[in-house]
Amino acid sequence: MTALTDHAPELSVRGIGKSYGGFRALSSVTLDIMRGEFLTLLGPSGSGKTTLLMILGGFQAPTEGRLIVRGTDVTTQSAEARAYGMVFQGYALFPHMTAEENIAFPLRVRRRPAAEIRRRVAEMIERVGLHGHAHKLPARLSGGQQQRVALARALVFEPRVLLLDEPFSALDKGLREQMQVEVKRLHEQTGTTFVFVTHDQTEALALSSRIAIFNHGTLLQTGSADDVYDRPVNRFVAEFLGEINLLALEHLGPDGGRFEGQAVLVARRPDTAEGTTLAIRPEHMTLAASEGDNVITARVERRTYLGAATRLTLRTPGGQPLMLTQPTYTLADGPWPGEEVRVSWPVSRGFLLPDGA
C-alpha cells in the first residue's frame, strides 16, 4: 500500500492551547494533518511539539480548542478510544515479554483470534527485520532491535495514526540513520498517517512529507521540506533549519539593494512579507571569477574539512561573517586563510526575511 494522502484531513487541530498554571506550553495551534502523510513536529526543546503529540494521542487534555477526527469532535475522548499507535522515546517494552509477545500484546488486548495474532505478528517480524530475534527478551536485544519491536508493536493492529515521540534519540549516529530509512519504508508500505516529533533538523528534512515548526508554543510555519528550508517565513525558521548567511541591505529598490557599497540583486517573492535582510544558504554561495552585480568581496579566515564538502569561513571588509560550503574537490587549489576572494550566488537563491521577525 502506497502512502498517498487523499487530500482529506485525518485530524484537524483547531485553536488548541495548553497551560500549566501560568506557563503557556501551546498557544492556539491550528493545523490539519492529512491522511497518509508523514508530518514532523519540529522545534527546540520546550517548543510545545511533544505537548501537542500527547494531546493528539489523548494522553493530555488541552486547556482550550478542539480536536476533530474525520468530522467528529474527539477532544475529550480517551487515548484508548482513539486507538492510535504510539512509539515512546524510551520504547516502553515489557521486559518480561519476548519480542514476539511484545508485538502481539495490542492484538491480545483487543481479543483478536489466535490465528490472526500469529499471522500478523509473523508479518510484522519480517517487515521490521527481526527474523531470528522473536523469542528474545528486550534485555538481549540491541537498541536498534528494541526500536524495531516498538515500531512493530505500534503498527501490528493497523492504527489509523502512528505517533512517534523522538524515537531515535537514544541511538548512535549510524543506527539512527539506519532506523530513519526503516521508518520511511514502513510509512510507504503501510499508508498509515505518521506524526513524528524531533528536534533534529536533518532528520525532519529527510523523513517528512510535511514539517510543522514550533517555537515557544507557537506554530510558526508548515510546509514541505524544501518549502520551509528554501522559503522560511522568518529569521528563527531560517536559522533553526541550518546555517545561513544574513546580509543587511541598504537602499533597497525593485531590483535589489547594496551591501557594503556593492550591488546585490534580489528575487522578489509575492507570497512573503519582505524586509531588508537578505538570507543565503552557504551551499548556494560560490567563488566568483570577476567583479559585478551580486558579487561581494571577503577574506578567508578558516577552512573546515567536512569530508565530501569543505566550509570556508569568511569575513567581509565591513566585518560581516560569511560561510560558503563547496565540494572539497573544487577547493583543492585554495583559497587559503588570509586570501581575498569574491563570492556570488544565484539571484533566485537569496530571499528577504521580514523585518522584526
Protein backbone atom coordinates (compact mmCIF):
# COMPACT_ATOMS: atom_id res chain seq x y z
CA MET A 1 0.00 0.00 0.00
CA THR A 2 1.50 3.34 -1.02
CA ALA A 3 1.34 6.24 1.42
CA LEU A 4 -0.60 8.79 -0.59
CA THR A 5 -2.90 11.32 1.01
CA ASP A 6 -6.45 11.59 -0.28
CA HIS A 7 -6.46 15.35 0.30
CA ALA A 8 -8.70 14.99 3.35
CA PRO A 9 -7.68 15.66 6.96
CA GLU A 10 -7.24 12.72 9.29
CA LEU A 11 -7.02 15.09 12.25
CA SER A 12 -7.91 18.77 12.46
CA VAL A 13 -6.38 20.76 15.30
CA ARG A 14 -8.45 23.87 15.97
CA GLY A 15 -7.15 26.54 18.35
CA ILE A 16 -5.50 24.02 20.69
CA GLY A 17 -3.84 25.62 23.70
CA LYS A 18 -2.26 24.14 26.81
CA SER A 19 -1.31 25.92 30.03
CA TYR A 20 0.33 24.66 33.21
CA GLY A 21 -0.53 27.28 35.79
CA GLY A 22 0.98 30.48 34.46
CA PHE A 23 3.12 28.68 31.84
CA ARG A 24 1.79 28.65 28.28
CA ALA A 25 3.02 25.44 26.62
CA LEU A 26 0.89 25.77 23.47
CA SER A 27 -0.74 28.89 22.04
CA SER A 28 -3.83 28.45 19.86
CA VAL A 29 -2.43 25.90 17.38
CA THR A 30 -4.49 25.28 14.25
CA LEU A 31 -3.32 22.56 11.89
CA ASP A 32 -4.72 19.93 9.53
CA ILE A 33 -2.96 16.55 9.48
CA MET A 34 -3.71 14.83 6.18
CA ARG A 35 -4.50 11.16 5.74
CA GLY A 36 -1.43 9.12 4.90
CA GLU A 37 1.11 11.90 5.32
CA PHE A 38 4.35 11.89 7.31
CA LEU A 39 4.10 15.06 9.38
CA THR A 40 7.02 16.05 11.59
CA LEU A 41 6.60 18.41 14.54
CA LEU A 42 9.96 20.16 14.72
CA GLY A 43 11.36 22.64 17.20
CA PRO A 44 13.83 23.16 20.04
CA SER A 45 13.32 21.68 23.49
CA GLY A 46 10.33 23.26 25.21
CA SER A 47 8.73 24.45 21.96
CA GLY A 48 5.47 22.55 22.54
CA LYS A 49 5.82 19.78 19.96
CA THR A 50 5.63 16.86 22.40
CA THR A 51 2.76 18.51 24.26
CA LEU A 52 0.79 18.64 21.01
CA LEU A 53 1.64 14.99 20.28
CA MET A 54 0.35 13.94 23.70
CA ILE A 55 -2.87 15.89 23.09
CA LEU A 56 -3.31 14.22 19.69
CA GLY A 57 -2.95 10.82 21.34
CA GLY A 58 -5.37 11.60 24.16
CA PHE A 59 -2.68 11.35 26.85
CA GLN A 60 -3.19 15.00 27.81
CA ALA A 61 -6.24 17.25 27.65
CA PRO A 62 -5.97 20.69 26.05
CA THR A 63 -6.77 23.78 28.05
CA GLU A 64 -8.66 25.15 25.07
CA GLY A 65 -9.53 24.33 21.49
CA ARG A 66 -10.86 21.26 19.72
CA LEU A 67 -9.52 18.15 18.03
CA ILE A 68 -11.56 16.84 15.12
CA VAL A 69 -11.03 13.34 13.68
CA ARG A 70 -12.74 12.79 10.32
CA GLY A 71 -15.51 15.20 11.22
CA THR A 72 -16.03 14.03 14.83
CA ASP A 73 -15.02 16.07 17.87
CA VAL A 74 -12.76 13.81 19.98
CA THR A 75 -11.32 16.48 22.29
CA THR A 76 -12.46 14.67 25.44
CA GLN A 77 -12.09 11.14 24.09
CA SER A 78 -9.66 8.84 25.91
CA ALA A 79 -6.42 7.53 24.45
CA GLU A 80 -7.89 4.01 24.46
CA ALA A 81 -10.87 5.14 22.40
CA ARG A 82 -8.66 6.89 19.82
CA ALA A 83 -6.57 3.72 19.46
CA TYR A 84 -3.53 5.32 17.86
CA GLY A 85 -0.19 3.60 17.67
CA MET A 86 2.46 5.18 19.90
CA VAL A 87 6.24 4.82 19.92
CA PHE A 88 7.74 6.44 23.02
CA GLN A 89 11.23 7.88 23.37
CA GLY A 90 12.24 5.06 25.72
CA TYR A 91 10.46 2.29 23.71
CA ALA A 92 8.40 1.20 26.79
CA LEU A 93 8.75 -2.53 26.04
CA PHE A 94 7.57 -5.09 28.60
CA PRO A 95 10.85 -6.51 29.96
CA HIS A 96 9.34 -9.91 30.90
CA MET A 97 7.90 -10.49 27.41
CA THR A 98 9.78 -11.67 24.35
CA ALA A 99 9.89 -9.53 21.21
CA GLU A 100 7.12 -11.68 19.76
CA GLU A 101 4.96 -11.31 22.88
CA ASN A 102 5.50 -7.54 22.98
CA ILE A 103 4.36 -7.25 19.37
CA ALA A 104 1.34 -9.48 20.00
CA PHE A 105 0.21 -7.57 23.11
CA PRO A 106 -2.04 -4.96 21.38
CA LEU A 107 -3.84 -7.75 19.48
CA ARG A 108 -4.36 -9.83 22.61
CA VAL A 109 -5.78 -6.81 24.45
CA ARG A 110 -8.24 -6.43 21.54
CA ARG A 111 -9.06 -10.15 21.79
CA ARG A 112 -8.23 -10.95 18.21
CA PRO A 113 -8.36 -14.66 17.23
CA ALA A 114 -5.19 -16.62 17.97
CA ALA A 115 -4.62 -17.50 14.30
CA GLU A 116 -4.86 -13.82 13.31
CA ILE A 117 -2.42 -12.86 16.07
CA ARG A 118 0.13 -15.43 14.89
CA ARG A 119 -0.24 -14.31 11.28
CA ARG A 120 0.04 -10.58 11.96
CA VAL A 121 2.94 -10.93 14.38
CA ALA A 122 4.85 -13.08 11.90
CA GLU A 123 4.21 -10.49 9.17
CA MET A 124 5.44 -7.62 11.34
CA ILE A 125 8.56 -9.50 12.45
CA GLU A 126 9.51 -9.96 8.81
CA ARG A 127 8.55 -6.41 7.87
CA VAL A 128 10.79 -4.81 10.52
CA GLY A 129 13.67 -7.23 10.02
CA LEU A 130 13.52 -9.13 13.33
CA HIS A 131 13.71 -12.65 11.93
CA GLY A 132 15.68 -14.80 14.36
CA HIS A 133 15.06 -12.46 17.32
CA ALA A 134 11.37 -13.14 18.02
CA HIS A 135 11.98 -15.23 21.15
CA LYS A 136 14.48 -12.88 22.79
CA LEU A 137 13.68 -10.70 25.79
CA PRO A 138 14.27 -6.92 25.35
CA ALA A 139 17.43 -7.08 27.51
CA ARG A 140 19.01 -9.37 24.91
CA LEU A 141 18.19 -7.06 22.00
CA SER A 142 20.29 -4.17 20.72
CA GLY A 143 18.94 -0.63 20.79
CA GLY A 144 18.01 -0.82 17.12
CA GLN A 145 16.26 -4.15 17.59
CA GLN A 146 14.29 -2.79 20.55
CA GLN A 147 13.26 0.14 18.38
CA ARG A 148 12.04 -2.27 15.70
CA VAL A 149 9.98 -4.15 18.29
CA ALA A 150 8.40 -0.87 19.44
CA LEU A 151 7.53 0.06 15.84
CA ALA A 152 6.11 -3.39 15.12
CA ARG A 153 4.00 -3.32 18.28
CA ALA A 154 2.61 0.10 17.38
CA LEU A 155 1.73 -0.92 13.81
CA VAL A 156 0.55 -4.52 14.26
CA PHE A 157 -3.08 -3.59 14.99
CA GLU A 158 -3.20 -1.31 11.92
CA PRO A 159 -3.90 2.04 13.62
CA ARG A 160 -5.08 4.97 11.54
CA VAL A 161 -2.36 7.16 13.08
CA LEU A 162 1.12 6.38 14.43
CA LEU A 163 2.60 8.89 16.90
CA LEU A 164 6.38 8.85 17.38
CA ASP A 165 7.99 10.85 20.18
CA GLU A 166 11.72 11.34 19.38
CA PRO A 167 12.13 7.55 18.93
CA PHE A 168 15.77 7.70 17.75
CA SER A 169 17.21 9.94 20.46
CA ALA A 170 18.99 7.07 22.28
CA LEU A 171 20.60 5.62 19.13
CA ASP A 172 24.08 6.34 17.82
CA LYS A 173 24.50 8.16 14.50
CA GLY A 174 24.86 5.13 12.25
CA LEU A 175 21.95 3.23 13.79
CA ARG A 176 19.85 6.38 13.86
CA GLU A 177 20.30 6.84 10.10
CA GLN A 178 19.50 3.16 9.50
CA MET A 179 16.28 3.43 11.52
CA GLN A 180 15.29 6.58 9.63
CA VAL A 181 15.40 4.57 6.41
CA GLU A 182 13.34 1.79 8.03
CA VAL A 183 10.69 4.17 9.33
CA LYS A 184 10.34 5.87 5.96
CA ARG A 185 10.00 2.47 4.29
CA LEU A 186 7.34 1.39 6.80
CA HIS A 187 5.40 4.58 6.16
CA GLU A 188 5.45 3.98 2.42
CA GLN A 189 4.39 0.35 2.86
CA THR A 190 1.56 0.86 5.34
CA GLY A 191 -0.02 4.14 4.22
CA THR A 192 -0.56 4.99 7.90
CA THR A 193 -0.60 8.64 8.95
CA PHE A 194 2.67 9.27 10.82
CA VAL A 195 3.11 12.19 13.25
CA PHE A 196 6.74 12.37 14.31
CA VAL A 197 8.37 14.61 16.94
CA THR A 198 12.04 15.58 16.74
CA HIS A 199 14.39 18.48 17.40
CA ASP A 200 16.81 17.18 14.74
CA GLN A 201 16.53 19.35 11.61
CA THR A 202 18.33 16.88 9.33
CA GLU A 203 16.05 14.07 10.46
CA ALA A 204 12.94 16.15 9.79
CA LEU A 205 14.10 17.20 6.33
CA ALA A 206 14.97 13.60 5.37
CA LEU A 207 11.79 11.90 6.57
CA SER A 208 8.84 14.23 6.22
CA SER A 209 6.26 14.87 3.57
CA ARG A 210 5.46 17.99 5.61
CA ILE A 211 7.04 19.79 8.56
CA ALA A 212 5.41 21.94 11.25
CA ILE A 213 7.90 24.21 13.03
CA PHE A 214 7.30 25.31 16.63
CA ASN A 215 8.93 27.78 19.00
CA HIS A 216 7.75 28.86 22.47
CA GLY A 217 4.45 27.02 22.00
CA THR A 218 3.61 28.76 18.73
CA LEU A 219 3.27 27.11 15.32
CA LEU A 220 5.40 29.27 13.03
CA GLN A 221 5.29 27.53 9.64
CA THR A 222 4.10 24.37 7.92
CA GLY A 223 5.22 23.11 4.53
CA SER A 224 7.22 20.53 2.64
CA ALA A 225 10.91 20.14 3.48
CA ASP A 226 12.02 22.32 0.59
CA ASP A 227 9.34 24.93 1.37
CA VAL A 228 10.48 25.52 4.93
CA TYR A 229 14.20 25.26 4.08
CA ASP A 230 14.19 27.46 0.98
CA ARG A 231 11.30 29.77 1.92
CA PRO A 232 11.34 30.29 5.70
CA VAL A 233 8.77 32.78 6.98
CA ASN A 234 11.08 34.44 9.49
CA ARG A 235 14.59 34.59 10.89
CA PHE A 236 14.03 31.93 13.56
CA VAL A 237 12.94 29.33 10.99
CA ALA A 238 15.78 30.30 8.64
CA GLU A 239 18.43 29.91 11.36
CA PHE A 240 16.88 26.86 13.04
CA LEU A 241 16.87 24.82 9.84
CA GLY A 242 20.58 25.15 9.14
CA GLU A 243 23.44 27.51 8.55
CA ILE A 244 22.52 30.79 6.90
CA ASN A 245 24.23 33.99 5.80
CA LEU A 246 22.33 37.17 6.68
CA LEU A 247 23.15 40.42 4.86
CA ALA A 248 21.64 43.76 5.89
CA LEU A 249 20.85 45.62 2.65
CA GLU A 250 20.62 49.38 2.15
CA HIS A 251 18.84 51.42 -0.50
CA LEU A 252 16.52 48.54 -1.35
CA GLY A 253 14.69 49.04 -4.64
CA PRO A 254 12.73 46.96 -7.18
CA ASP A 255 15.82 45.04 -8.36
CA GLY A 256 17.83 44.85 -5.16
CA GLY A 257 19.97 46.93 -2.87
CA ARG A 258 23.53 47.46 -1.73
CA PHE A 259 25.69 45.61 0.78
CA GLU A 260 28.82 47.44 1.91
CA GLY A 261 28.59 49.52 -1.24
CA GLN A 262 28.32 46.55 -3.61
CA ALA A 263 25.23 45.89 -5.74
CA VAL A 264 23.13 42.91 -4.65
CA LEU A 265 20.25 41.60 -6.76
CA VAL A 266 17.05 40.32 -5.13
CA ALA A 267 14.38 37.96 -6.48
CA ARG A 268 11.02 39.16 -5.19
CA ARG A 269 8.59 36.72 -3.59
CA PRO A 270 4.96 37.88 -3.78
CA ASP A 271 3.82 35.40 -1.10
CA THR A 272 6.11 36.67 1.66
CA ALA A 273 6.38 39.87 3.65
CA GLU A 274 9.74 41.45 2.85
CA GLY A 275 12.33 43.25 4.91
CA THR A 276 15.87 44.44 4.36
CA THR A 277 17.77 41.30 5.48
CA LEU A 278 18.87 39.02 2.64
CA ALA A 279 19.42 35.36 3.53
CA ILE A 280 21.53 32.88 1.54
CA ARG A 281 22.39 29.30 2.46
CA PRO A 282 26.18 28.58 2.47
CA GLU A 283 25.82 25.80 -0.10
CA HIS A 284 24.29 28.27 -2.56
CA MET A 285 27.29 30.61 -2.46
CA THR A 286 30.15 30.07 -4.91
CA LEU A 287 33.52 31.64 -5.61
CA ALA A 288 33.24 34.29 -8.34
CA ALA A 289 35.88 34.92 -11.01
CA SER A 290 35.16 38.60 -11.58
CA GLU A 291 33.50 41.69 -10.13
CA GLY A 292 29.95 42.74 -10.93
CA ASP A 293 26.44 42.78 -9.59
CA ASN A 294 25.71 40.18 -6.89
CA VAL A 295 29.40 39.71 -6.17
CA ILE A 296 30.85 40.65 -2.78
CA THR A 297 34.42 40.65 -1.52
CA ALA A 298 35.59 38.77 1.58
CA ARG A 299 38.72 37.32 3.16
CA VAL A 300 39.15 33.66 4.09
CA GLU A 301 39.52 33.16 7.86
CA ARG A 302 39.26 29.39 8.12
CA ARG A 303 38.88 26.20 6.09
CA THR A 304 36.96 23.32 7.71
CA TYR A 305 37.22 19.89 6.08
CA LEU A 306 33.89 18.02 6.25
CA GLY A 307 34.75 15.09 4.01
CA ALA A 308 32.83 15.43 0.76
CA ALA A 309 32.45 19.17 1.40
CA THR A 310 34.64 21.94 2.78
CA ARG A 311 33.38 25.02 4.60
CA LEU A 312 35.07 28.38 4.14
CA THR A 313 34.60 30.87 6.96
CA LEU A 314 34.89 34.37 5.51
CA ARG A 315 34.71 37.98 6.66
CA THR A 316 33.83 41.00 4.54
CA PRO A 317 35.74 44.32 4.74
CA GLY A 318 32.92 45.68 6.90
CA GLY A 319 33.24 42.79 9.37
CA GLN A 320 30.27 40.68 8.23
CA PRO A 321 30.91 36.93 8.76
CA LEU A 322 30.01 34.61 5.89
CA MET A 323 30.07 30.87 5.33
CA LEU A 324 30.48 29.13 1.98
CA THR A 325 30.23 25.36 1.50
CA GLN A 326 31.59 23.69 -1.63
CA PRO A 327 32.54 20.16 -2.74
CA THR A 328 36.04 19.50 -1.41
CA TYR A 329 37.48 18.58 -4.80
CA THR A 330 36.67 22.08 -6.16
CA LEU A 331 38.83 23.71 -3.46
CA ALA A 332 41.96 21.58 -3.80
CA ASP A 333 43.99 24.56 -5.03
CA GLY A 334 42.66 27.07 -2.48
CA PRO A 335 41.71 29.62 -1.44
CA TRP A 336 43.57 29.52 1.86
CA PRO A 337 43.24 31.53 5.09
CA GLY A 338 44.30 35.13 4.55
CA GLU A 339 43.42 35.19 0.85
CA GLU A 340 40.85 37.62 -0.53
CA VAL A 341 38.04 36.14 -2.63
CA ARG A 342 34.85 37.18 -4.38
CA VAL A 343 31.65 35.27 -3.69
CA SER A 344 28.34 35.20 -5.51
CA TRP A 345 25.07 33.25 -5.58
CA PRO A 346 22.12 32.77 -7.95
CA VAL A 347 19.63 35.60 -7.53
CA SER A 348 16.82 33.05 -7.05
CA ARG A 349 18.63 31.51 -4.06
CA GLY A 350 18.62 34.66 -1.91
CA PHE A 351 15.44 35.60 -0.03
CA LEU A 352 14.39 38.59 2.05
CA LEU A 353 13.35 37.98 5.63
CA PRO A 354 10.60 40.07 7.21
CA ASP A 355 11.87 42.87 9.43
CA GLY A 356 11.47 42.26 13.14
CA ALA A 357 10.98 38.50 12.70
